[in-house]
Amino acid sequence: MRRRKKSKYRHVIIKNKKYYFYTIKFADPTGDSGWHTAEELLKFEPSVMVSQAYVFAKNKKHLITFASHDDKEEVFGDCNVYPISCVVKMEKVTL
């Protein structure tokens, strides 16, 4: 009898679909309403933020995530949609 290989990555199974848990780094707009010189303004960069969530879907344009879900129904909460162009790095979380 073949033994089923366990996944080394954190995941949940909802309605027979496996969703993996990721650490996601993404660029977020940074703003400041104060006065700045041209030199200071050229040093502005987006903030790199970190989020952790299950990946629901990913395509060429968007990354869709959720952090909460119902154990009995296919219902998701704490959802986000990231433009793929803002995603800096994605790493699956291991067990």
N, C-alpha and C. Protein backbone atom coordinates (compact mmCIF):
# COMPACT_ATOMS: atom_id res chain seq x y z
N MET A 1 0.84 -1.18 0.00
CA MET A 1 0.00 0.00 0.00
C MET A 1 0.89 1.25 0.00
N ARG A 2 0.59 2.18 -0.90
CA ARG A 2 1.37 3.42 -0.99
C ARG A 2 0.98 4.38 0.10
N ARG A 3 1.97 4.95 0.71
CA ARG A 3 1.72 5.94 1.75
C ARG A 3 1.64 7.31 1.08
N ARG A 4 0.64 8.07 1.44
CA ARG A 4 0.43 9.39 0.86
C ARG A 4 1.47 10.36 1.42
N LYS A 5 2.15 11.09 0.53
CA LYS A 5 3.17 12.04 0.94
C LYS A 5 2.52 13.28 1.54
N LYS A 6 3.00 13.67 2.73
CA LYS A 6 2.46 14.86 3.38
C LYS A 6 3.10 16.10 2.78
N SER A 7 2.31 17.16 2.65
CA SER A 7 2.82 18.44 2.17
C SER A 7 3.67 19.08 3.25
N LYS A 8 4.78 19.66 2.87
CA LYS A 8 5.63 20.35 3.85
C LYS A 8 5.23 21.81 4.00
N TYR A 9 4.23 22.23 3.25
CA TYR A 9 3.78 23.61 3.30
C TYR A 9 2.45 23.73 4.03
N ARG A 10 2.28 24.85 4.75
CA ARG A 10 1.03 25.12 5.46
C ARG A 10 -0.07 25.35 4.43
N HIS A 11 -1.23 24.72 4.65
CA HIS A 11 -2.34 24.85 3.71
C HIS A 11 -3.66 24.49 4.40
N VAL A 12 -4.76 24.83 3.73
CA VAL A 12 -6.09 24.38 4.14
C VAL A 12 -6.75 23.75 2.92
N ILE A 13 -7.68 22.85 3.16
CA ILE A 13 -8.45 22.25 2.08
C ILE A 13 -9.90 22.65 2.28
N ILE A 14 -10.46 23.32 1.28
CA ILE A 14 -11.85 23.77 1.31
C ILE A 14 -12.53 23.28 0.04
N LYS A 15 -13.58 22.50 0.19
CA LYS A 15 -14.31 21.93 -0.94
C LYS A 15 -13.35 21.21 -1.90
N ASN A 16 -12.48 20.38 -1.36
CA ASN A 16 -11.51 19.59 -2.12
C ASN A 16 -10.48 20.41 -2.88
N LYS A 17 -10.31 21.67 -2.54
CA LYS A 17 -9.29 22.51 -3.17
C LYS A 17 -8.29 22.92 -2.09
N LYS A 18 -7.00 22.79 -2.42
CA LYS A 18 -5.94 23.12 -1.48
C LYS A 18 -5.50 24.56 -1.69
N TYR A 19 -5.44 25.32 -0.59
CA TYR A 19 -4.98 26.72 -0.61
C TYR A 19 -3.73 26.81 0.26
N TYR A 20 -2.64 27.31 -0.33
CA TYR A 20 -1.38 27.42 0.40
C TYR A 20 -1.24 28.77 1.09
N PHE A 21 -0.53 28.76 2.21
CA PHE A 21 -0.30 29.95 3.03
C PHE A 21 1.04 30.58 2.62
N TYR A 22 1.02 31.89 2.36
CA TYR A 22 2.21 32.58 1.87
C TYR A 22 2.56 33.79 2.74
N THR A 23 3.83 34.14 2.72
CA THR A 23 4.29 35.45 3.17
C THR A 23 4.46 36.26 1.89
N ILE A 24 3.79 37.39 1.83
CA ILE A 24 3.77 38.22 0.61
C ILE A 24 4.38 39.58 0.92
N LYS A 25 5.41 39.95 0.16
CA LYS A 25 5.99 41.29 0.27
C LYS A 25 5.49 42.09 -0.92
N PHE A 26 4.99 43.30 -0.66
CA PHE A 26 4.45 44.11 -1.75
C PHE A 26 4.81 45.57 -1.56
N ALA A 27 4.92 46.27 -2.68
CA ALA A 27 5.21 47.70 -2.66
C ALA A 27 3.91 48.46 -2.43
N ASP A 28 3.95 49.41 -1.49
CA ASP A 28 2.77 50.18 -1.13
C ASP A 28 3.11 51.66 -1.30
N PRO A 29 2.20 52.47 -1.86
CA PRO A 29 2.50 53.89 -2.04
C PRO A 29 2.85 54.56 -0.72
N THR A 30 3.81 55.46 -0.78
CA THR A 30 4.22 56.23 0.39
C THR A 30 3.95 57.70 0.08
N GLY A 31 3.39 58.40 1.03
CA GLY A 31 3.07 59.81 0.81
C GLY A 31 3.49 60.67 1.99
N ASP A 32 3.65 61.94 1.72
CA ASP A 32 3.99 62.91 2.74
C ASP A 32 3.48 64.26 2.27
N SER A 33 2.68 64.92 3.09
CA SER A 33 2.08 66.18 2.66
C SER A 33 2.94 67.40 3.00
N GLY A 34 4.14 67.15 3.54
CA GLY A 34 5.04 68.26 3.88
C GLY A 34 5.77 68.80 2.66
N TRP A 35 6.58 69.84 2.91
CA TRP A 35 7.37 70.46 1.84
C TRP A 35 8.72 69.76 1.73
N HIS A 36 9.17 69.54 0.47
CA HIS A 36 10.43 68.82 0.24
C HIS A 36 11.20 69.49 -0.89
N THR A 37 12.52 69.40 -0.81
CA THR A 37 13.36 69.87 -1.91
C THR A 37 13.31 68.83 -3.03
N ALA A 38 13.80 69.20 -4.20
CA ALA A 38 13.85 68.26 -5.33
C ALA A 38 14.71 67.05 -4.98
N GLU A 39 15.81 67.27 -4.29
CA GLU A 39 16.70 66.16 -3.91
C GLU A 39 15.99 65.19 -2.96
N GLU A 40 15.26 65.74 -1.98
CA GLU A 40 14.52 64.90 -1.04
C GLU A 40 13.43 64.11 -1.76
N LEU A 41 12.76 64.77 -2.66
CA LEU A 41 11.66 64.12 -3.38
C LEU A 41 12.15 62.98 -4.24
N LEU A 42 13.32 63.12 -4.84
CA LEU A 42 13.88 62.05 -5.66
C LEU A 42 14.27 60.82 -4.84
N LYS A 43 14.39 60.97 -3.53
CA LYS A 43 14.73 59.85 -2.65
C LYS A 43 13.50 59.08 -2.17
N PHE A 44 12.30 59.58 -2.47
CA PHE A 44 11.07 58.89 -2.07
C PHE A 44 11.01 57.52 -2.74
N GLU A 45 10.60 56.52 -1.98
CA GLU A 45 10.39 55.18 -2.51
C GLU A 45 9.14 54.59 -1.87
N PRO A 46 8.49 53.66 -2.56
CA PRO A 46 7.34 53.00 -1.93
C PRO A 46 7.79 52.20 -0.72
N SER A 47 6.90 52.02 0.23
CA SER A 47 7.18 51.16 1.38
C SER A 47 7.03 49.72 0.94
N VAL A 48 7.86 48.83 1.48
CA VAL A 48 7.70 47.40 1.21
C VAL A 48 7.03 46.81 2.45
N MET A 49 5.81 46.34 2.26
CA MET A 49 4.99 45.81 3.35
C MET A 49 4.98 44.28 3.30
N VAL A 50 4.65 43.66 4.42
CA VAL A 50 4.59 42.21 4.51
C VAL A 50 3.20 41.79 4.99
N SER A 51 2.63 40.82 4.31
CA SER A 51 1.33 40.27 4.69
C SER A 51 1.43 38.75 4.64
N GLN A 52 0.63 38.06 5.44
CA GLN A 52 0.56 36.61 5.40
C GLN A 52 -0.89 36.20 5.20
N ALA A 53 -1.11 35.32 4.21
CA ALA A 53 -2.47 34.91 3.88
C ALA A 53 -2.45 33.68 2.99
N TYR A 54 -3.61 33.08 2.83
CA TYR A 54 -3.79 31.98 1.88
C TYR A 54 -4.03 32.58 0.50
N VAL A 55 -3.43 31.99 -0.53
CA VAL A 55 -3.64 32.48 -1.89
C VAL A 55 -4.87 31.79 -2.46
N PHE A 56 -5.87 32.59 -2.80
CA PHE A 56 -7.10 32.07 -3.39
C PHE A 56 -6.93 31.90 -4.90
N ALA A 57 -6.36 32.93 -5.55
CA ALA A 57 -6.17 32.88 -7.00
C ALA A 57 -5.05 33.84 -7.38
N LYS A 58 -4.43 33.53 -8.52
CA LYS A 58 -3.37 34.39 -9.04
C LYS A 58 -3.40 34.30 -10.56
N ASN A 59 -3.32 35.47 -11.21
CA ASN A 59 -3.22 35.49 -12.66
C ASN A 59 -2.21 36.56 -13.06
N LYS A 60 -2.15 36.94 -14.32
CA LYS A 60 -1.17 37.91 -14.79
C LYS A 60 -1.38 39.30 -14.22
N LYS A 61 -2.60 39.61 -13.78
CA LYS A 61 -2.92 40.96 -13.30
C LYS A 61 -3.08 41.07 -11.79
N HIS A 62 -3.61 40.01 -11.13
CA HIS A 62 -3.97 40.13 -9.72
C HIS A 62 -3.57 38.91 -8.90
N LEU A 63 -3.37 39.16 -7.61
CA LEU A 63 -3.18 38.13 -6.60
C LEU A 63 -4.32 38.32 -5.60
N ILE A 64 -5.12 37.28 -5.38
CA ILE A 64 -6.28 37.37 -4.48
C ILE A 64 -6.00 36.46 -3.28
N THR A 65 -6.14 37.04 -2.06
CA THR A 65 -5.83 36.28 -0.85
C THR A 65 -6.98 36.34 0.15
N PHE A 66 -6.94 35.40 1.12
CA PHE A 66 -7.86 35.43 2.26
C PHE A 66 -7.09 34.96 3.49
N ALA A 67 -7.51 35.40 4.66
CA ALA A 67 -6.85 35.00 5.90
C ALA A 67 -7.78 34.21 6.81
N SER A 68 -9.09 34.33 6.61
CA SER A 68 -10.07 33.62 7.43
C SER A 68 -11.01 32.84 6.52
N HIS A 69 -11.56 31.76 7.06
CA HIS A 69 -12.52 30.96 6.29
C HIS A 69 -13.42 30.20 7.24
N ASP A 70 -14.58 29.78 6.73
CA ASP A 70 -15.54 28.99 7.49
C ASP A 70 -15.16 27.52 7.36
N ASP A 71 -15.24 26.77 8.45
CA ASP A 71 -14.90 25.34 8.41
C ASP A 71 -15.93 24.49 7.68
N LYS A 72 -17.17 24.97 7.59
CA LYS A 72 -18.23 24.15 7.02
C LYS A 72 -18.69 24.60 5.64
N GLU A 73 -18.49 25.86 5.30
CA GLU A 73 -18.95 26.38 4.02
C GLU A 73 -17.81 27.04 3.27
N GLU A 74 -18.00 27.25 1.99
CA GLU A 74 -16.99 27.93 1.17
C GLU A 74 -17.19 29.44 1.28
N VAL A 75 -16.77 29.98 2.44
CA VAL A 75 -16.92 31.40 2.75
C VAL A 75 -15.56 31.91 3.24
N PHE A 76 -15.13 33.06 2.71
CA PHE A 76 -13.81 33.59 3.00
C PHE A 76 -13.90 34.99 3.60
N GLY A 77 -12.93 35.35 4.45
CA GLY A 77 -12.89 36.67 5.06
C GLY A 77 -11.48 37.23 5.05
N ASP A 78 -11.37 38.47 5.46
CA ASP A 78 -10.07 39.16 5.49
C ASP A 78 -9.38 39.05 4.13
N CYS A 79 -10.09 39.44 3.08
CA CYS A 79 -9.63 39.26 1.70
C CYS A 79 -8.92 40.51 1.18
N ASN A 80 -7.95 40.28 0.29
CA ASN A 80 -7.23 41.36 -0.37
C ASN A 80 -7.00 41.01 -1.83
N VAL A 81 -6.89 42.04 -2.66
CA VAL A 81 -6.51 41.88 -4.06
C VAL A 81 -5.31 42.79 -4.29
N TYR A 82 -4.20 42.20 -4.73
CA TYR A 82 -2.97 42.95 -5.00
C TYR A 82 -2.74 43.00 -6.51
N PRO A 83 -2.37 44.16 -7.05
CA PRO A 83 -1.90 44.16 -8.43
C PRO A 83 -0.58 43.38 -8.48
N ILE A 84 -0.43 42.48 -9.43
CA ILE A 84 0.79 41.67 -9.53
C ILE A 84 2.02 42.57 -9.65
N SER A 85 1.87 43.71 -10.29
CA SER A 85 3.02 44.61 -10.46
C SER A 85 3.55 45.14 -9.13
N CYS A 86 2.75 45.07 -8.06
CA CYS A 86 3.17 45.54 -6.74
C CYS A 86 3.79 44.44 -5.88
N VAL A 87 3.61 43.18 -6.28
CA VAL A 87 4.13 42.07 -5.49
C VAL A 87 5.64 41.95 -5.73
N VAL A 88 6.40 42.08 -4.64
CA VAL A 88 7.86 42.03 -4.71
C VAL A 88 8.35 40.59 -4.58
N LYS A 89 7.74 39.82 -3.63
CA LYS A 89 8.18 38.46 -3.36
C LYS A 89 7.06 37.67 -2.70
N MET A 90 6.99 36.38 -3.04
CA MET A 90 6.04 35.47 -2.40
C MET A 90 6.79 34.22 -1.96
N GLU A 91 6.55 33.78 -0.71
CA GLU A 91 7.17 32.56 -0.20
C GLU A 91 6.11 31.72 0.49
N LYS A 92 6.04 30.41 0.12
CA LYS A 92 5.15 29.51 0.83
C LYS A 92 5.67 29.31 2.24
N VAL A 93 4.77 29.25 3.20
CA VAL A 93 5.14 29.04 4.60
C VAL A 93 5.19 27.55 4.86
N THR A 94 6.30 27.10 5.43
CA THR A 94 6.46 25.67 5.74
C THR A 94 5.84 25.34 7.09
N LEU A 95 5.59 24.07 7.30
CA LEU A 95 5.02 23.62 8.57
C LEU A 95 6.03 23.66 9.68
